[in-house]
Amino acid sequence: MPKTLSSQVEHSDLANQQETSLVKKAFDNAESVSLADPYDEDPDGQSSDDMEFVHPLGHKKGKYYFIRLCGQLLDLPAEKLETGRGVRALFSGAPDEVKKKCREMFPDGNGEWCTKKAGQWIIEKCNIKGIFDPSNLDIRSVGVWRDEDDAAVAHCGDKLVYPDGTSLPPSKSRPPRIMIAAPSISKPDIRGLRPNVMNDVLHSLREGWGWNCDADADIWLGFVAMACLGGFP
């Protein structure tokens, strides 16, 4: 190998070794970083942790719309929120950690929280969201739906139940699909159904009713199954 070419190869090898060493050093000194969900950050920079007990939606014609902790969609006029009237009732029955957060965010100087400050905070957050038209909101109650990620979710009134058995309160849903709270119903049985059981059901339907044609029983059973899925399909 010519001396010049040999020198170039040695120089390239040395450069590669140095680059590999720098990359290894970078990985060794790296710190893990949590990738936040973009929905975890409010447009004004307030974290979603500060929004857990009230989810602001917006305002229209002097009314401010929001979802309270229990999942109810409410609207209150500005004069009530500005003076704090009715605000304390929004947090009745709330967990201790929520009441602690209220004392931290809206201190009254006496170890409790100020309803007037809380009401003005709700106004501020709703103003940030902008004009809100409840008629354009996709409000959903009891039934089977798609969530904001298009996953199947059963709305059971006081909880949202997923196919893997996990559940969340309705207040955890995100716009534009808002799951509002309703009276509780039994959650669905997530156990798998054996094919032979459904075959027996279908056979019984075919034999028990007078159908115009053989496919009618299959169509009827399919319709019932789809009806149970509500708004999901």
C-alpha atoms as a PDB file:
ATOM      1  CA  MET A   1       0.000   0.000   0.000  1.00  0.00           C
ATOM      2  CA  PRO A   2       1.439   3.428  -0.943  1.00  0.00           C
ATOM      3  CA  LYS A   3       2.654   5.482   2.005  1.00  0.00           C
ATOM      4  CA  THR A   4       0.199   8.328   1.329  1.00  0.00           C
ATOM      5  CA  LEU A   5      -2.818   5.970   1.165  1.00  0.00           C
ATOM      6  CA  SER A   6      -1.633   4.122   4.276  1.00  0.00           C
ATOM      7  CA  SER A   7      -1.371   7.413   6.163  1.00  0.00           C
ATOM      8  CA  GLN A   8      -4.903   8.380   5.092  1.00  0.00           C
ATOM      9  CA  VAL A   9      -6.288   5.035   6.285  1.00  0.00           C
ATOM     10  CA  GLU A  10      -4.548   5.365   9.662  1.00  0.00           C
ATOM     11  CA  HIS A  11      -5.851   8.924  10.047  1.00  0.00           C
ATOM     12  CA  SER A  12      -9.411   7.774   9.194  1.00  0.00           C
ATOM     13  CA  ASP A  13      -9.203   4.906  11.721  1.00  0.00           C
ATOM     14  CA  LEU A  14      -8.013   7.303  14.420  1.00  0.00           C
ATOM     15  CA  ALA A  15     -10.863   9.710  13.658  1.00  0.00           C
ATOM     16  CA  ASN A  16     -13.399   6.888  13.820  1.00  0.00           C
ATOM     17  CA  GLN A  17     -12.031   5.750  17.184  1.00  0.00           C
ATOM     18  CA  GLN A  18     -12.245   9.264  18.570  1.00  0.00           C
ATOM     19  CA  GLU A  19     -15.810   9.675  17.292  1.00  0.00           C
ATOM     20  CA  THR A  20     -16.834   6.310  18.805  1.00  0.00           C
ATOM     21  CA  SER A  21     -15.270   7.340  22.103  1.00  0.00           C
ATOM     22  CA  LEU A  22     -17.203  10.618  22.113  1.00  0.00           C
ATOM     23  CA  VAL A  23     -20.486   8.862  21.328  1.00  0.00           C
ATOM     24  CA  LYS A  24     -19.876   6.320  24.095  1.00  0.00           C
ATOM     25  CA  LYS A  25     -19.062   9.122  26.529  1.00  0.00           C
ATOM     26  CA  ALA A  26     -22.266  10.937  25.553  1.00  0.00           C
ATOM     27  CA  PHE A  27     -24.356   7.837  26.233  1.00  0.00           C
ATOM     28  CA  ASP A  28     -22.565   7.178  29.527  1.00  0.00           C
ATOM     29  CA  ASN A  29     -23.277  10.725  30.727  1.00  0.00           C
ATOM     30  CA  ALA A  30     -26.831  10.887  29.407  1.00  0.00           C
ATOM     31  CA  GLU A  31     -29.775  11.296  31.765  1.00  0.00           C
ATOM     32  CA  SER A  32     -33.164   9.716  31.243  1.00  0.00           C
ATOM     33  CA  VAL A  33     -35.887  12.123  30.176  1.00  0.00           C
ATOM     34  CA  SER A  34     -39.601  11.517  30.552  1.00  0.00           C
ATOM     35  CA  LEU A  35     -41.490  12.204  27.328  1.00  0.00           C
ATOM     36  CA  ALA A  36     -44.622  14.058  28.328  1.00  0.00           C
ATOM     37  CA  ASP A  37     -47.956  13.552  26.695  1.00  0.00           C
ATOM     38  CA  PRO A  38     -48.774  16.738  24.738  1.00  0.00           C
ATOM     39  CA  TYR A  39     -52.170  16.756  26.444  1.00  0.00           C
ATOM     40  CA  ASP A  40     -50.471  16.978  29.839  1.00  0.00           C
ATOM     41  CA  GLU A  41     -49.584  20.607  29.208  1.00  0.00           C
ATOM     42  CA  ASP A  42     -52.148  23.345  29.147  1.00  0.00           C
ATOM     43  CA  PRO A  43     -51.731  26.054  26.465  1.00  0.00           C
ATOM     44  CA  ASP A  44     -50.805  28.639  29.074  1.00  0.00           C
ATOM     45  CA  GLY A  45     -48.106  26.450  30.586  1.00  0.00           C
ATOM     46  CA  GLN A  46     -50.105  25.154  33.549  1.00  0.00           C
ATOM     47  CA  SER A  47     -49.604  21.441  34.077  1.00  0.00           C
ATOM     48  CA  SER A  48     -52.585  19.100  33.940  1.00  0.00           C
ATOM     49  CA  ASP A  49     -52.039  18.291  37.621  1.00  0.00           C
ATOM     50  CA  ASP A  50     -53.370  21.763  38.439  1.00  0.00           C
ATOM     51  CA  MET A  51     -56.404  21.113  36.250  1.00  0.00           C
ATOM     52  CA  GLU A  52     -57.546  17.786  37.721  1.00  0.00           C
ATOM     53  CA  PHE A  53     -60.372  19.092  39.862  1.00  0.00           C
ATOM     54  CA  VAL A  54     -61.877  21.399  37.221  1.00  0.00           C
ATOM     55  CA  HIS A  55     -61.548  20.952  33.465  1.00  0.00           C
ATOM     56  CA  PRO A  56     -62.235  24.339  31.789  1.00  0.00           C
ATOM     57  CA  LEU A  57     -63.936  24.269  28.381  1.00  0.00           C
ATOM     58  CA  GLY A  58     -64.494  27.950  27.549  1.00  0.00           C
ATOM     59  CA  HIS A  59     -67.060  30.714  27.835  1.00  0.00           C
ATOM     60  CA  LYS A  60     -70.017  32.159  25.956  1.00  0.00           C
ATOM     61  CA  LYS A  61     -72.355  35.096  26.661  1.00  0.00           C
ATOM     62  CA  GLY A  62     -71.248  35.607  30.246  1.00  0.00           C
ATOM     63  CA  LYS A  63     -71.314  31.914  31.167  1.00  0.00           C
ATOM     64  CA  TYR A  64     -68.268  29.780  31.865  1.00  0.00           C
ATOM     65  CA  TYR A  65     -68.336  26.100  31.000  1.00  0.00           C
ATOM     66  CA  PHE A  66     -66.276  23.427  32.712  1.00  0.00           C
ATOM     67  CA  ILE A  67     -66.343  19.843  33.912  1.00  0.00           C
ATOM     68  CA  ARG A  68     -66.083  19.306  37.639  1.00  0.00           C
ATOM     69  CA  LEU A  69     -64.192  16.496  39.333  1.00  0.00           C
ATOM     70  CA  CYS A  70     -67.153  14.105  39.385  1.00  0.00           C
ATOM     71  CA  GLY A  71     -67.538  14.445  35.604  1.00  0.00           C
ATOM     72  CA  GLN A  72     -70.556  16.758  35.451  1.00  0.00           C
ATOM     73  CA  LEU A  73     -70.683  19.413  32.749  1.00  0.00           C
ATOM     74  CA  LEU A  74     -71.559  22.744  34.399  1.00  0.00           C
ATOM     75  CA  ASP A  75     -71.934  26.365  33.460  1.00  0.00           C
ATOM     76  CA  LEU A  76     -71.851  29.248  35.921  1.00  0.00           C
ATOM     77  CA  PRO A  77     -72.379  32.970  35.278  1.00  0.00           C
ATOM     78  CA  ALA A  78     -69.469  35.333  35.741  1.00  0.00           C
ATOM     79  CA  GLU A  79     -71.035  37.097  38.749  1.00  0.00           C
ATOM     80  CA  LYS A  80     -71.135  33.858  40.730  1.00  0.00           C
ATOM     81  CA  LEU A  81     -67.570  32.863  39.937  1.00  0.00           C
ATOM     82  CA  GLU A  82     -66.209  36.363  40.567  1.00  0.00           C
ATOM     83  CA  THR A  83     -67.661  36.405  44.061  1.00  0.00           C
ATOM     84  CA  GLY A  84     -67.018  32.723  44.777  1.00  0.00           C
ATOM     85  CA  ARG A  85     -70.696  31.912  45.293  1.00  0.00           C
ATOM     86  CA  GLY A  86     -71.338  28.211  44.771  1.00  0.00           C
ATOM     87  CA  VAL A  87     -67.665  27.452  44.147  1.00  0.00           C
ATOM     88  CA  ARG A  88     -67.132  25.517  47.391  1.00  0.00           C
ATOM     89  CA  ALA A  89     -69.953  23.156  46.428  1.00  0.00           C
ATOM     90  CA  LEU A  90     -67.972  22.184  43.315  1.00  0.00           C
ATOM     91  CA  PHE A  91     -65.436  20.451  45.524  1.00  0.00           C
ATOM     92  CA  SER A  92     -67.762  18.808  48.020  1.00  0.00           C
ATOM     93  CA  GLY A  93     -66.794  15.174  48.446  1.00  0.00           C
ATOM     94  CA  ALA A  94     -63.445  15.750  46.754  1.00  0.00           C
ATOM     95  CA  PRO A  95     -60.428  13.713  47.943  1.00  0.00           C
ATOM     96  CA  ASP A  96     -58.150  15.227  50.572  1.00  0.00           C
ATOM     97  CA  GLU A  97     -55.377  15.788  48.005  1.00  0.00           C
ATOM     98  CA  VAL A  98     -57.707  18.016  45.971  1.00  0.00           C
ATOM     99  CA  LYS A  99     -58.617  20.086  49.014  1.00  0.00           C
ATOM    100  CA  LYS A 100     -54.909  20.355  49.845  1.00  0.00           C
ATOM    101  CA  LYS A 101     -54.232  21.610  46.331  1.00  0.00           C
ATOM    102  CA  CYS A 102     -56.985  24.207  46.729  1.00  0.00           C
ATOM    103  CA  ARG A 103     -55.344  25.472  49.924  1.00  0.00           C
ATOM    104  CA  GLU A 104     -52.016  25.706  48.085  1.00  0.00           C
ATOM    105  CA  MET A 105     -53.386  27.458  44.998  1.00  0.00           C
ATOM    106  CA  PHE A 106     -56.031  29.677  46.624  1.00  0.00           C
ATOM    107  CA  PRO A 107     -54.873  30.423  50.185  1.00  0.00           C
ATOM    108  CA  ASP A 108     -57.110  32.632  52.315  1.00  0.00           C
ATOM    109  CA  GLY A 109     -54.519  33.365  55.013  1.00  0.00           C
ATOM    110  CA  ASN A 110     -56.338  31.257  57.606  1.00  0.00           C
ATOM    111  CA  GLY A 111     -55.201  27.821  56.536  1.00  0.00           C
ATOM    112  CA  GLU A 112     -58.196  27.287  54.248  1.00  0.00           C
ATOM    113  CA  TRP A 113     -58.836  28.177  50.612  1.00  0.00           C
ATOM    114  CA  CYS A 114     -60.538  31.218  49.134  1.00  0.00           C
ATOM    115  CA  THR A 115     -63.587  30.457  46.969  1.00  0.00           C
ATOM    116  CA  LYS A 116     -63.348  33.888  45.319  1.00  0.00           C
ATOM    117  CA  LYS A 117     -59.792  33.196  44.140  1.00  0.00           C
ATOM    118  CA  ALA A 118     -60.859  29.750  42.916  1.00  0.00           C
ATOM    119  CA  GLY A 119     -63.785  31.240  40.984  1.00  0.00           C
ATOM    120  CA  GLN A 120     -61.548  33.830  39.360  1.00  0.00           C
ATOM    121  CA  TRP A 121     -59.089  31.061  38.471  1.00  0.00           C
ATOM    122  CA  ILE A 122     -61.882  29.163  36.682  1.00  0.00           C
ATOM    123  CA  ILE A 123     -62.788  32.335  34.752  1.00  0.00           C
ATOM    124  CA  GLU A 124     -59.149  32.834  33.759  1.00  0.00           C
ATOM    125  CA  LYS A 125     -58.759  29.260  32.535  1.00  0.00           C
ATOM    126  CA  CYS A 126     -62.028  29.349  30.593  1.00  0.00           C
ATOM    127  CA  ASN A 127     -61.025  32.658  28.975  1.00  0.00           C
ATOM    128  CA  ILE A 128     -57.802  31.037  27.812  1.00  0.00           C
ATOM    129  CA  LYS A 129     -59.813  28.251  26.152  1.00  0.00           C
ATOM    130  CA  GLY A 130     -61.865  30.827  24.226  1.00  0.00           C
ATOM    131  CA  ILE A 131     -65.465  30.857  23.001  1.00  0.00           C
ATOM    132  CA  PHE A 132     -67.244  27.601  23.738  1.00  0.00           C
ATOM    133  CA  ASP A 133     -70.347  26.293  21.987  1.00  0.00           C
ATOM    134  CA  PRO A 134     -71.807  23.336  23.892  1.00  0.00           C
ATOM    135  CA  SER A 135     -73.903  22.371  20.854  1.00  0.00           C
ATOM    136  CA  ASN A 136     -70.710  21.531  18.939  1.00  0.00           C
ATOM    137  CA  LEU A 137     -69.172  19.441  21.703  1.00  0.00           C
ATOM    138  CA  ASP A 138     -69.219  15.666  21.356  1.00  0.00           C
ATOM    139  CA  ILE A 139     -70.721  14.897  24.760  1.00  0.00           C
ATOM    140  CA  ARG A 140     -71.037  11.215  25.610  1.00  0.00           C
ATOM    141  CA  SER A 141     -72.720   9.387  28.447  1.00  0.00           C
ATOM    142  CA  VAL A 142     -73.415   5.710  29.219  1.00  0.00           C
ATOM    143  CA  GLY A 143     -72.559   3.347  26.347  1.00  0.00           C
ATOM    144  CA  VAL A 144     -69.633   1.957  24.392  1.00  0.00           C
ATOM    145  CA  TRP A 145     -67.569   4.560  22.549  1.00  0.00           C
ATOM    146  CA  ARG A 146     -64.228   5.349  20.999  1.00  0.00           C
ATOM    147  CA  ASP A 147     -61.997   7.468  23.211  1.00  0.00           C
ATOM    148  CA  GLU A 148     -59.662  10.248  22.029  1.00  0.00           C
ATOM    149  CA  ASP A 149     -57.179   7.573  20.852  1.00  0.00           C
ATOM    150  CA  ASP A 150     -59.923   5.595  19.029  1.00  0.00           C
ATOM    151  CA  ALA A 151     -59.721   2.789  21.605  1.00  0.00           C
ATOM    152  CA  ALA A 152     -62.895   1.034  22.760  1.00  0.00           C
ATOM    153  CA  VAL A 153     -64.159   2.240  26.126  1.00  0.00           C
ATOM    154  CA  ALA A 154     -67.328   1.368  28.046  1.00  0.00           C
ATOM    155  CA  HIS A 155     -68.848   4.371  29.819  1.00  0.00           C
ATOM    156  CA  CYS A 156     -70.410   2.922  32.970  1.00  0.00           C
ATOM    157  CA  GLY A 157     -71.655   6.171  34.447  1.00  0.00           C
ATOM    158  CA  ASP A 158     -69.051   6.826  37.122  1.00  0.00           C
ATOM    159  CA  LYS A 159     -66.124   5.152  35.362  1.00  0.00           C
ATOM    160  CA  LEU A 160     -64.666   4.448  31.926  1.00  0.00           C
ATOM    161  CA  VAL A 161     -63.778   0.768  31.559  1.00  0.00           C
ATOM    162  CA  TYR A 162     -61.285  -0.474  28.960  1.00  0.00           C
ATOM    163  CA  PRO A 163     -61.035  -3.984  27.444  1.00  0.00           C
ATOM    164  CA  ASP A 164     -58.020  -4.818  29.628  1.00  0.00           C
ATOM    165  CA  GLY A 165     -60.049  -4.140  32.772  1.00  0.00           C
ATOM    166  CA  THR A 166     -58.480  -0.792  33.665  1.00  0.00           C
ATOM    167  CA  SER A 167     -60.793   2.089  34.495  1.00  0.00           C
ATOM    168  CA  LEU A 168     -60.668   5.882  34.750  1.00  0.00           C
ATOM    169  CA  PRO A 169     -63.115   8.518  35.995  1.00  0.00           C
ATOM    170  CA  PRO A 170     -65.066  10.316  33.217  1.00  0.00           C
ATOM    171  CA  SER A 171     -63.330  13.585  34.148  1.00  0.00           C
ATOM    172  CA  LYS A 172     -60.105  12.154  32.678  1.00  0.00           C
ATOM    173  CA  SER A 173     -61.510  12.254  29.141  1.00  0.00           C
ATOM    174  CA  ARG A 174     -60.191  14.909  26.754  1.00  0.00           C
ATOM    175  CA  PRO A 175     -61.909  17.171  24.218  1.00  0.00           C
ATOM    176  CA  PRO A 176     -63.453  17.076  21.705  1.00  0.00           C
ATOM    177  CA  ARG A 177     -64.974  13.830  23.012  1.00  0.00           C
ATOM    178  CA  ILE A 178     -66.166  14.566  26.527  1.00  0.00           C
ATOM    179  CA  MET A 179     -67.421  11.741  28.717  1.00  0.00           C
ATOM    180  CA  ILE A 180     -69.807  13.204  31.285  1.00  0.00           C
ATOM    181  CA  ALA A 181     -70.760  11.434  34.496  1.00  0.00           C
ATOM    182  CA  ALA A 182     -74.067   9.610  34.898  1.00  0.00           C
ATOM    183  CA  PRO A 183     -75.649   7.178  37.366  1.00  0.00           C
ATOM    184  CA  SER A 184     -73.498   4.088  37.737  1.00  0.00           C
ATOM    185  CA  ILE A 185     -74.271   0.870  35.860  1.00  0.00           C
ATOM    186  CA  SER A 186     -72.643  -2.571  36.018  1.00  0.00           C
ATOM    187  CA  LYS A 187     -69.364  -2.755  34.148  1.00  0.00           C
ATOM    188  CA  PRO A 188     -69.109  -5.225  31.233  1.00  0.00           C
ATOM    189  CA  ASP A 189     -67.786  -8.733  31.690  1.00  0.00           C
ATOM    190  CA  ILE A 190     -64.388  -8.693  29.985  1.00  0.00           C
ATOM    191  CA  ARG A 191     -63.982 -12.470  29.985  1.00  0.00           C
ATOM    192  CA  GLY A 192     -63.726 -14.024  26.539  1.00  0.00           C
ATOM    193  CA  LEU A 193     -66.694 -15.984  25.204  1.00  0.00           C
ATOM    194  CA  ARG A 194     -65.975 -19.440  23.797  1.00  0.00           C
ATOM    195  CA  PRO A 195     -66.984 -19.913  20.128  1.00  0.00           C
ATOM    196  CA  ASN A 196     -69.036 -23.032  20.899  1.00  0.00           C
ATOM    197  CA  VAL A 197     -71.240 -20.989  23.265  1.00  0.00           C
ATOM    198  CA  MET A 198     -72.127 -18.534  20.506  1.00  0.00           C
ATOM    199  CA  ASN A 199     -72.708 -21.428  18.107  1.00  0.00           C
ATOM    200  CA  ASP A 200     -75.196 -22.908  20.580  1.00  0.00           C
ATOM    201  CA  VAL A 201     -76.966 -19.545  20.891  1.00  0.00           C
ATOM    202  CA  LEU A 202     -77.166 -19.164  17.124  1.00  0.00           C
ATOM    203  CA  HIS A 203     -78.441 -22.729  16.713  1.00  0.00           C
ATOM    204  CA  SER A 204     -81.155 -22.109  19.305  1.00  0.00           C
ATOM    205  CA  LEU A 205     -82.223 -18.934  17.500  1.00  0.00           C
ATOM    206  CA  ARG A 206     -82.437 -20.718  14.172  1.00  0.00           C
ATOM    207  CA  GLU A 207     -84.532 -23.502  15.633  1.00  0.00           C
ATOM    208  CA  GLY A 208     -86.731 -21.467  17.955  1.00  0.00           C
ATOM    209  CA  TRP A 209     -88.107 -18.707  15.754  1.00  0.00           C
ATOM    210  CA  GLY A 210     -89.784 -18.682  12.379  1.00  0.00           C
ATOM    211  CA  TRP A 211     -87.342 -16.997   9.998  1.00  0.00           C
ATOM    212  CA  ASN A 212     -87.984 -16.153   6.364  1.00  0.00           C
ATOM    213  CA  CYS A 213     -84.577 -17.450   5.353  1.00  0.00           C
ATOM    214  CA  ASP A 214     -81.582 -19.194   6.951  1.00  0.00           C
ATOM    215  CA  ALA A 215     -79.491 -16.009   7.154  1.00  0.00           C
ATOM    216  CA  ASP A 216     -82.079 -14.031   9.161  1.00  0.00           C
ATOM    217  CA  ALA A 217     -81.029 -15.458  12.532  1.00  0.00           C
ATOM    218  CA  ASP A 218     -77.384 -14.632  11.804  1.00  0.00           C
ATOM    219  CA  ILE A 219     -78.296 -11.079  10.780  1.00  0.00           C
ATOM    220  CA  TRP A 220     -80.419 -10.566  13.896  1.00  0.00           C
ATOM    221  CA  LEU A 221     -77.661 -11.822  16.227  1.00  0.00           C
ATOM    222  CA  GLY A 222     -75.127  -9.587  14.489  1.00  0.00           C
ATOM    223  CA  PHE A 223     -77.453  -6.595  14.876  1.00  0.00           C
ATOM    224  CA  VAL A 224     -77.854  -7.261  18.610  1.00  0.00           C
ATOM    225  CA  ALA A 225     -74.077  -7.564  19.023  1.00  0.00           C
ATOM    226  CA  MET A 226     -73.516  -4.285  17.188  1.00  0.00           C
ATOM    227  CA  ALA A 227     -76.243  -2.560  19.236  1.00  0.00           C
ATOM    228  CA  CYS A 228     -74.429  -3.567  22.430  1.00  0.00           C
ATOM    229  CA  LEU A 229     -71.347  -1.759  21.158  1.00  0.00           C
ATOM    230  CA  GLY A 230     -73.280   1.508  20.979  1.00  0.00           C
ATOM    231  CA  GLY A 231     -71.285   4.307  19.361  1.00  0.00           C
ATOM    232  CA  PHE A 232     -68.027   2.352  19.085  1.00  0.00           C
ATOM    233  CA  PRO A 233     -68.326   0.943  15.510  1.00  0.00           C
END
